Amino acid sequence: MSVEAKICGLSTPESIDAAVQGGARWVGFVTYPRSPRHIPTDLLRTLGARVPKSVGRVGLFVDPDDALLDKRLATGAIDMLQLHGSETPERVAALKGRTGKAVMKVIKVAKPEDVERGIAAYASVADRLMFDTADGILPGGNAKAFDWTILSGRKLLVPWMLAGGLTPDNVAEAVRVTGARTVDVSSGVESSRGVKSIELIRAFLDRVKAL
C-alpha cells in the first residue's frame, strides 16, 4: 500500500503548485492568527480555487466558533476540517453535523496513554485522527517529533495521519516505525519559520512516493 502526504501551512500559489505537482494527496490551510502560517480569508479563497479536485483541501482550526467556520467555509476552499484545539467529542460531532464536512481531530502525543485516550474519545466521532507531538508553543508546526514507537503495531479502525517533526530525511523511518499510511508536514519543508521551500516540498514528496 502506498503512502499519502499532506503538505500543511501553504500560503502562496507557488507552494500550492509544488505540492500538487509533487503528488500531495492533501493540502492544508491554517486559520490561527498566532501561527506564522495563518492566511486571511481572501487568500484562502484564491489558493483553494487553485487546487484540483483530486487533491483534498484541509482547513486547520483551533477551537473555532461557528462564525469563524461559516466565514471560512463560505470560500468554498475547504473539504475537511482539522481540529487542533481542545474540541470535545461532542463538539466534533456537532461540527460534522452542522457543516457537512469531514472532520479530522488532532491527538497531542507525549506518552502512550495520550494515544489510547484519544482513540477512545474520538475514533467514533471523527472521520480521521492525526497524531502530533504535544511538545510545542503552537498547536502544531513546532518541528518536534514524539516517540514514534508509541504507535508501533497499533491497529486503528479509523484512518489516521502522522505529524510532528517530519522532514524529507526522516519520513521513511517514521513510516517504518509507525506504519503510517498518511504523513503530514509543515515546518519540515520550510526555509524559515512559516516560509515554505519549493525544493523541500518536492524532496519530501519524492521520499514519500519512494516508500
Foldseek 3Di string as FASTA:
>chain_A
DAAAEEEELDQDLLLLVLLVVLHHQEYEQEPDVVALSHDDQVSLLVNLVSHDPSHAYEYEDEPDDPVVVVSNVVSVRHQEYEYLYDDFLVNLQVCCVVPVHAYEYEQADADLVSVVVCCVGHVVRHQEYEYEHPDADDSFDRLAGHDLLSQAPDDGPHAYEYEYNDFLVCPVVSCVNRVHRYYYYYNRQAPDRSHGDSVRSSSNSVSSRVD
